[in-house]
N, C-alpha and C. Protein backbone atom coordinates (compact mmCIF):
# COMPACT_ATOMS: atom_id res chain seq x y z
N ARG A 1 0.78 -1.35 -0.18
CA ARG A 1 0.34 -0.13 0.12
C ARG A 1 1.13 0.88 -0.72
N LEU A 2 2.00 1.09 0.64
CA LEU A 2 2.88 2.88 0.44
C LEU A 2 3.71 2.60 -1.33
N ASN A 3 3.08 2.91 -1.72
CA ASN A 3 3.35 3.27 -3.36
C ASN A 3 2.98 3.81 -4.12
N HIS A 4 3.33 4.70 -4.86
CA HIS A 4 1.92 5.12 -5.63
C HIS A 4 1.58 4.97 -6.71
N ARG A 5 1.87 4.15 -7.21
CA ARG A 5 0.46 3.18 -8.15
C ARG A 5 0.31 2.32 -6.88
N SER A 6 -0.83 2.36 -5.77
CA SER A 6 -1.83 2.23 -4.86
C SER A 6 -2.27 3.06 -4.47
N TRP A 7 -1.85 3.91 -4.52
CA TRP A 7 -1.80 5.30 -4.71
C TRP A 7 -3.40 5.91 -5.97
N GLN A 8 -3.03 5.68 -6.33
CA GLN A 8 -3.69 6.51 -7.51
C GLN A 8 -4.38 5.17 -7.61
N ARG A 9 -4.88 3.81 -7.64
CA ARG A 9 -5.83 2.97 -7.73
C ARG A 9 -6.91 3.04 -6.84
N ASP A 10 -6.11 3.98 -5.37
CA ASP A 10 -7.71 3.33 -4.51
C ASP A 10 -6.93 4.94 -3.48
N PHE A 11 -6.78 6.45 -3.96
CA PHE A 11 -6.00 7.17 -2.22
C PHE A 11 -7.21 7.07 -1.22
N ALA A 12 -8.63 6.62 -1.47
CA ALA A 12 -9.51 6.68 -0.17
C ALA A 12 -9.19 5.80 0.54
N GLY A 13 -8.91 4.32 -0.45
CA GLY A 13 -8.60 3.37 0.47
C GLY A 13 -7.35 3.87 1.56
N PHE A 14 -6.38 4.12 0.54
CA PHE A 14 -5.31 4.09 1.23
C PHE A 14 -5.26 4.89 2.30
N VAL A 15 -6.10 6.08 2.27
CA VAL A 15 -5.62 6.84 3.62
C VAL A 15 -6.67 6.90 4.43
N GLU A 16 -7.68 5.41 4.94
CA GLU A 16 -8.23 4.73 5.51
C GLU A 16 -7.33 4.09 6.39
N TRP A 17 -6.86 2.94 5.78
CA TRP A 17 -5.39 2.65 5.44
C TRP A 17 -4.38 2.37 6.52
N PHE A 18 -3.61 3.75 6.25
CA PHE A 18 -3.02 4.25 6.91
C PHE A 18 -2.99 4.85 8.69
N ALA A 19 -4.57 5.76 8.16
CA ALA A 19 -5.13 5.84 9.51
C ALA A 19 -5.13 5.36 10.50
N GLY A 20 -5.63 4.07 10.58
CA GLY A 20 -5.76 2.26 11.09
C GLY A 20 -4.21 1.91 11.41
N GLN A 21 -2.94 2.54 10.89
CA GLN A 21 -2.13 2.15 11.03
C GLN A 21 -0.87 2.94 11.54
N ALA A 22 -1.61 4.23 11.71
CA ALA A 22 -1.03 5.31 12.66
C ALA A 22 -2.07 5.68 13.48
N PHE A 23 -3.13 4.98 13.89
CA PHE A 23 -3.94 4.59 14.38
C PHE A 23 -4.65 3.46 15.26
N PRO A 24 -3.82 2.84 15.41
CA PRO A 24 -3.92 1.07 16.49
C PRO A 24 -5.09 1.07 17.79
N GLU A 25 -4.78 1.50 17.71
CA GLU A 25 -5.41 1.71 19.68
C GLU A 25 -7.13 1.48 18.96
N PRO A 26 -8.11 0.59 20.13
CA PRO A 26 -8.71 0.44 19.96
C PRO A 26 -9.69 1.50 20.12
N ASP A 27 -9.58 2.30 20.93
CA ASP A 27 -10.52 3.92 21.68
C ASP A 27 -9.35 5.01 20.65
N ALA A 28 -10.09 4.64 19.08
CA ALA A 28 -8.71 5.62 18.40
C ALA A 28 -9.56 5.63 17.61
N GLY A 29 -11.01 5.90 17.74
CA GLY A 29 -11.56 5.47 16.69
C GLY A 29 -12.10 7.09 16.27
N HIS A 30 -12.05 8.48 16.86
CA HIS A 30 -12.47 9.08 16.48
C HIS A 30 -11.21 10.60 16.13
N LEU A 31 -9.56 9.29 16.87
CA LEU A 31 -8.63 10.06 16.13
C LEU A 31 -8.17 9.68 14.58
N ARG A 32 -8.60 8.67 14.00
CA ARG A 32 -8.13 7.85 12.70
C ARG A 32 -9.44 8.56 12.15
N ALA A 33 -10.56 9.31 12.21
CA ALA A 33 -11.95 9.82 11.37
C ALA A 33 -11.12 11.38 11.19
N VAL A 34 -10.19 11.48 12.61
CA VAL A 34 -10.13 12.58 12.14
C VAL A 34 -8.71 12.94 10.85
N ALA A 35 -7.59 12.20 11.28
CA ALA A 35 -6.26 11.44 10.35
C ALA A 35 -7.01 11.42 8.81
N VAL A 36 -8.30 10.50 8.68
CA VAL A 36 -9.27 10.13 7.15
C VAL A 36 -9.04 11.68 6.42
N ALA A 37 -10.31 12.80 7.46
CA ALA A 37 -10.64 14.06 7.14
C ALA A 37 -9.56 14.90 6.73
N TRP A 38 -8.43 14.70 7.11
CA TRP A 38 -6.82 15.40 7.26
C TRP A 38 -6.36 14.98 5.62
N GLY A 39 -6.39 13.73 5.14
CA GLY A 39 -5.38 12.93 3.90
C GLY A 39 -6.70 13.21 2.70
N ARG A 40 -7.32 13.09 3.22
CA ARG A 40 -8.89 13.40 1.81
C ARG A 40 -8.79 15.05 1.34
N GLU A 41 -7.71 16.12 1.98
CA GLU A 41 -7.59 16.88 1.55
C GLU A 41 -6.06 17.04 0.63
N THR A 42 -5.41 16.04 0.28
CA THR A 42 -4.92 15.73 -0.09
C THR A 42 -4.54 15.38 -1.87
N THR A 43 -3.89 14.83 -2.55
CA THR A 43 -4.24 14.06 -3.46
C THR A 43 -2.77 12.68 -3.50
N ALA A 44 -2.75 11.21 -4.51
CA ALA A 44 -1.82 10.56 -4.62
C ALA A 44 -0.88 12.14 -5.03
N ASP A 45 -0.95 12.22 -6.02
CA ASP A 45 0.20 13.12 -6.33
C ASP A 45 1.07 13.27 -5.51
N HIS A 46 0.63 14.47 -4.45
CA HIS A 46 1.43 15.50 -3.42
C HIS A 46 1.63 14.26 -2.79
N LEU A 47 1.16 13.47 -1.97
CA LEU A 47 1.90 13.19 -1.40
C LEU A 47 2.93 12.24 -1.60
N ALA A 48 3.06 11.48 -2.93
CA ALA A 48 3.85 10.94 -3.64
C ALA A 48 5.41 11.71 -3.39
N ALA A 49 4.51 12.99 -4.06
CA ALA A 49 6.31 14.35 -4.10
C ALA A 49 6.48 14.30 -3.07
N THR A 50 6.03 15.21 -2.26
CA THR A 50 6.26 14.43 -0.74
C THR A 50 7.03 12.95 -0.06
N VAL A 51 7.28 11.88 -0.41
CA VAL A 51 7.27 10.74 -0.15
C VAL A 51 8.79 10.90 -0.96
N LEU A 52 8.72 11.61 -2.45
CA LEU A 52 10.05 11.43 -3.02
C LEU A 52 11.07 12.12 -3.15
N GLY A 53 10.37 13.10 -2.39
CA GLY A 53 11.57 14.00 -2.08
C GLY A 53 12.34 14.12 0.00
N ARG A 54 11.31 13.41 0.07
CA ARG A 54 12.17 13.05 1.96
C ARG A 54 12.65 11.64 1.25
N THR A 55 13.43 11.05 0.23
CA THR A 55 12.99 9.70 0.40
C THR A 55 14.24 9.85 -0.90
N ALA A 56 14.26 10.95 -1.86
CA ALA A 56 15.34 10.92 -3.13
C ALA A 56 16.98 10.18 -2.20
N ALA A 57 17.48 10.77 -1.25
CA ALA A 57 18.93 9.98 -1.05
C ALA A 57 18.55 8.32 -0.81
N PRO A 58 19.61 7.73 -0.91
CA PRO A 58 19.73 6.13 -0.60
C PRO A 58 19.71 6.41 0.95
N VAL A 59 19.09 4.66 1.10
CA VAL A 59 18.80 5.20 3.06
C VAL A 59 20.21 5.25 3.75
N GLU A 60 21.61 4.37 3.05
CA GLU A 60 22.31 4.66 3.92
C GLU A 60 23.38 5.89 4.41
N GLU A 61 23.04 7.11 2.95
CA GLU A 61 23.77 7.97 3.28
C GLU A 61 22.31 9.09 3.94
N THR A 62 21.17 8.89 4.19
CA THR A 62 20.45 9.29 5.21
C THR A 62 20.61 8.68 6.84
N ALA A 63 20.86 7.70 6.21
CA ALA A 63 21.00 7.34 7.70
C ALA A 63 21.98 8.01 8.42
N ALA A 64 23.70 8.52 7.60
CA ALA A 64 24.73 8.54 7.92
C ALA A 64 24.92 9.89 8.42
N ARG A 65 24.31 11.18 7.85
CA ARG A 65 23.28 12.10 7.40
C ARG A 65 22.89 12.43 9.55
N LEU A 66 22.25 11.75 9.43
CA LEU A 66 21.15 12.02 10.68
C LEU A 66 21.65 11.26 11.93
N ARG A 67 22.59 10.32 11.84
CA ARG A 67 23.94 9.67 12.71
C ARG A 67 25.01 11.12 13.17
N ALA A 68 25.03 11.30 11.89
CA ALA A 68 26.51 12.96 12.86
C ALA A 68 25.33 14.15 12.79
N LEU A 69 23.70 14.12 12.26
CA LEU A 69 23.31 15.66 13.38
C LEU A 69 22.70 14.93 14.95
N ALA A 70 22.35 13.97 15.07
CA ALA A 70 22.35 13.05 16.16
C ALA A 70 23.83 13.63 17.06
N GLY A 71 24.54 13.56 16.59
CA GLY A 71 26.29 13.46 17.56
C GLY A 71 26.40 15.16 17.38
N ASN A 72 25.68 16.05 16.81
CA ASN A 72 25.77 17.11 17.23
C ASN A 72 24.50 18.29 18.61
N ILE A 73 23.92 17.35 19.03
CA ILE A 73 22.60 17.43 20.07
C ILE A 73 23.55 17.04 21.39
N GLY A 74 23.68 18.02 22.13
CA GLY A 74 24.45 17.96 23.58
C GLY A 74 23.62 17.96 24.19
N CYS A 75 22.14 18.52 23.99
CA CYS A 75 20.51 18.16 24.85
C CYS A 75 20.81 17.38 25.82
N PRO A 76 19.49 16.79 26.97
CA PRO A 76 19.09 16.49 27.09
C PRO A 76 18.19 16.15 26.26
N THR A 77 17.80 14.79 26.18
CA THR A 77 16.78 14.11 25.12
C THR A 77 15.79 13.11 25.70
N LEU A 78 14.54 13.64 24.93
CA LEU A 78 13.77 12.41 25.24
C LEU A 78 12.75 11.50 23.41
N VAL A 79 12.64 10.14 24.12
CA VAL A 79 12.76 10.03 22.46
C VAL A 79 11.18 9.10 23.04
N ILE A 80 10.00 9.68 22.66
CA ILE A 80 9.04 8.49 22.46
C ILE A 80 8.78 8.09 21.88
N HIS A 81 8.34 7.08 22.12
CA HIS A 81 7.76 6.15 20.85
C HIS A 81 6.15 4.76 21.72
N GLY A 82 5.57 4.66 20.81
CA GLY A 82 4.81 3.98 21.26
C GLY A 82 5.33 2.52 20.55
N GLN A 83 4.60 1.54 21.72
CA GLN A 83 4.48 -0.02 21.06
C GLN A 83 3.81 -0.69 20.38
N LEU A 84 2.76 -0.17 19.70
CA LEU A 84 1.67 -0.17 18.96
C LEU A 84 3.07 -0.12 17.51
N ASP A 85 2.92 0.65 17.51
CA ASP A 85 3.67 1.64 16.16
C ASP A 85 3.41 0.97 14.96
N PRO A 86 2.95 0.52 14.22
CA PRO A 86 3.41 -0.46 13.11
C PRO A 86 4.43 0.87 12.14
N ILE A 87 3.87 1.69 12.53
CA ILE A 87 4.95 2.66 10.89
C ILE A 87 6.27 2.85 11.54
N ALA A 88 6.26 3.14 12.66
CA ALA A 88 7.90 3.19 12.88
C ALA A 88 8.43 2.26 13.83
N PRO A 89 9.03 1.27 13.59
CA PRO A 89 9.74 0.34 14.38
C PRO A 89 10.17 0.75 15.47
N GLN A 90 9.94 -0.31 16.53
CA GLN A 90 10.22 0.84 17.80
C GLN A 90 12.13 0.35 18.23
N HIS A 91 12.51 -0.58 17.29
CA HIS A 91 14.63 -0.25 17.23
C HIS A 91 14.68 1.15 16.70
N ARG A 92 14.54 2.14 15.53
CA ARG A 92 14.11 3.08 15.48
C ARG A 92 14.81 3.92 16.54
N ALA A 93 13.73 3.95 17.80
CA ALA A 93 13.12 4.78 18.42
C ALA A 93 14.46 5.27 19.30
N GLU A 94 15.04 3.10 20.19
CA GLU A 94 15.73 2.71 20.88
C GLU A 94 17.10 3.43 20.37
N THR A 95 17.59 2.76 18.67
CA THR A 95 18.79 3.33 18.17
C THR A 95 18.90 5.35 18.09
N LEU A 96 17.90 6.23 18.13
CA LEU A 96 17.90 7.75 18.68
C LEU A 96 18.35 8.00 19.39
N ALA A 97 17.41 7.12 20.83
CA ALA A 97 17.60 7.28 21.52
C ALA A 97 19.24 7.15 22.00
N ARG A 98 19.30 6.42 22.14
CA ARG A 98 21.55 6.06 22.47
C ARG A 98 22.48 7.26 21.60
N LEU A 99 22.05 7.45 20.10
CA LEU A 99 22.85 8.48 19.82
C LEU A 99 22.41 9.32 20.22
N LEU A 100 21.44 10.12 20.64
CA LEU A 100 21.66 10.53 20.87
C LEU A 100 22.33 11.22 22.71
N ASP A 101 22.53 10.01 23.49
CA ASP A 101 22.53 9.70 25.21
C ASP A 101 20.94 10.03 25.67
N GLY A 102 20.19 9.66 25.40
CA GLY A 102 18.82 10.34 25.65
C GLY A 102 18.00 9.09 26.52
N GLU A 103 17.38 9.98 26.80
CA GLU A 103 15.97 8.44 27.80
C GLU A 103 15.34 8.01 26.84
N LEU A 104 14.50 7.20 26.83
CA LEU A 104 13.23 6.11 25.97
C LEU A 104 12.90 5.82 27.20
N ALA A 105 10.81 6.36 26.39
CA ALA A 105 9.84 6.09 26.95
C ALA A 105 9.40 5.55 26.40
N LEU A 106 8.64 4.19 26.53
CA LEU A 106 8.28 3.26 25.68
C LEU A 106 6.53 3.64 26.11
N ILE A 107 5.10 4.06 25.56
CA ILE A 107 3.60 4.03 26.43
C ILE A 107 3.53 1.99 25.09
N ASP A 108 3.16 1.88 26.38
CA ASP A 108 2.60 0.42 25.89
C ASP A 108 1.46 0.08 24.97
N ASP A 109 -0.12 0.62 25.19
CA ASP A 109 -0.44 0.97 24.35
C ASP A 109 -1.40 2.38 23.66
N ALA A 110 0.34 2.41 23.15
CA ALA A 110 0.46 3.63 22.24
C ALA A 110 0.33 3.53 20.65
N GLY A 111 -0.25 3.65 19.87
CA GLY A 111 0.51 3.64 18.73
C GLY A 111 1.47 4.98 18.02
N HIS A 112 1.31 4.73 16.57
CA HIS A 112 2.59 5.72 15.82
C HIS A 112 2.08 7.42 16.76
N CYS A 113 1.36 7.59 16.72
CA CYS A 113 1.02 8.92 17.50
C CYS A 113 0.77 9.39 18.61
N PRO A 114 1.24 8.87 20.11
CA PRO A 114 1.23 8.80 21.36
C PRO A 114 0.81 10.24 21.81
N GLN A 115 1.85 11.03 21.46
CA GLN A 115 0.65 12.51 21.31
C GLN A 115 -0.71 13.02 21.28
N ALA A 116 -1.20 12.03 20.30
CA ALA A 116 -2.72 12.47 20.21
C ALA A 116 -3.25 11.85 20.47
N SER A 117 -2.87 9.68 20.56
CA SER A 117 -3.68 9.45 21.41
C SER A 117 -3.95 9.01 22.90
N ARG A 118 -2.58 9.21 23.24
CA ARG A 118 -2.11 9.14 24.46
C ARG A 118 -1.41 10.81 25.19
N PRO A 119 -2.83 12.15 25.22
CA PRO A 119 -1.77 12.57 25.95
C PRO A 119 -1.00 13.18 27.00
N GLU A 120 -1.90 12.70 27.72
CA GLU A 120 -2.03 12.91 29.10
C GLU A 120 -0.42 11.77 29.82
N ARG A 121 -0.43 10.81 29.42
CA ARG A 121 0.63 10.63 29.63
C ARG A 121 2.10 11.00 28.83
N VAL A 122 2.08 11.25 27.84
CA VAL A 122 2.88 11.83 26.60
C VAL A 122 3.40 13.25 27.87
N ASN A 123 2.13 13.81 28.15
CA ASN A 123 3.03 15.30 28.91
C ASN A 123 3.53 15.42 30.68
N ARG A 124 2.77 13.84 31.20
CA ARG A 124 2.83 13.48 31.94
C ARG A 124 5.04 12.94 31.43
N LEU A 125 4.77 12.28 30.78
CA LEU A 125 6.87 11.89 30.35
C LEU A 125 7.70 13.03 30.21
N ILE A 126 6.87 14.06 29.59
CA ILE A 126 7.88 15.35 28.83
C ILE A 126 7.26 16.23 31.18
N GLU A 127 7.09 16.55 30.78
CA GLU A 127 6.74 16.85 32.32
C GLU A 127 8.47 16.27 33.17
N ALA A 128 7.76 14.93 33.76
CA ALA A 128 8.89 14.99 34.74
C ALA A 128 10.49 15.07 34.16
N PHE A 129 10.82 14.63 32.86
CA PHE A 129 11.48 14.91 32.25
C PHE A 129 12.67 16.11 32.67
N ILE A 130 11.64 17.44 32.25
CA ILE A 130 11.98 18.17 32.36
C ILE A 130 12.87 18.50 33.73
N THR A 131 11.65 18.46 34.80
CA THR A 131 11.62 18.32 35.85
C THR A 131 13.30 17.78 36.27
N GLU A 132 12.98 16.61 35.83
CA GLU A 132 15.13 15.71 36.48
C GLU A 132 16.12 16.40 36.02
N ARG A 133 15.69 16.04 35.01
CA ARG A 133 16.84 16.11 33.70
C ARG A 133 17.12 17.80 33.24
N VAL A 134 16.52 18.53 33.01
CA VAL A 134 15.92 20.04 32.31
C VAL A 134 16.64 21.21 33.35
N THR A 135 15.47 21.10 34.56
CA THR A 135 16.16 21.86 35.53
C THR A 135 16.82 21.39 36.53
N ALA A 136 17.27 20.40 36.52
CA ALA A 136 18.42 19.88 37.80
C ALA A 136 19.31 19.55 37.34
N ALA A 137 20.10 19.83 36.46
CA ALA A 137 20.98 20.18 35.54
C ALA A 137 21.22 21.69 35.68
N PRO A 138 22.98 21.67 36.08
CA PRO A 138 23.63 21.61 36.32
C PRO A 138 24.34 23.04 35.31
N ALA A 139 23.85 24.64 35.69
CA ALA A 139 23.57 25.70 34.85
C ALA A 139 25.30 26.28 34.57
N SER A 140 25.18 27.04 33.65
CA SER A 140 26.96 26.78 33.08
C SER A 140 26.93 27.98 33.33
N SER A 141 28.53 28.53 33.33
CA SER A 141 29.17 29.27 34.91
C SER A 141 29.11 30.37 33.78
N THR A 142 28.80 31.97 33.76
CA THR A 142 28.83 32.83 32.24
C THR A 142 30.23 34.11 32.43
N GLY A 143 31.23 32.38 33.66
CA GLY A 143 31.98 34.24 34.40
C GLY A 143 33.42 34.92 33.83
């Protein structure tokens, strides 16, 4: 389903399928409906152009560029990942957290968009992270 020919044949069907992948939680029907409505505001050609622009470079080149970017980040980081996510595998979140020397928070009953399907838990994770890691970090001296 993740190809331009499929989108040209049945874009509405793809949008419904993808919304189900993004929000696999049983209680996320309202979010799937919103995602479907938003998805129908574009076309197969626009989606293909977006994906092509994002994936034009070879995978290894993109991975190397992202690893280099991660090496430039020195602030405390929190990576949040839904364990029900069929779109972005958990190993990517684990790798990102490791590359950033950051923390990984897994939400066991969340899919690809935990900030939408489990906002209260995401907010608590962020608040705890800021309290424990950011505000507790020693201030730099300006001597």
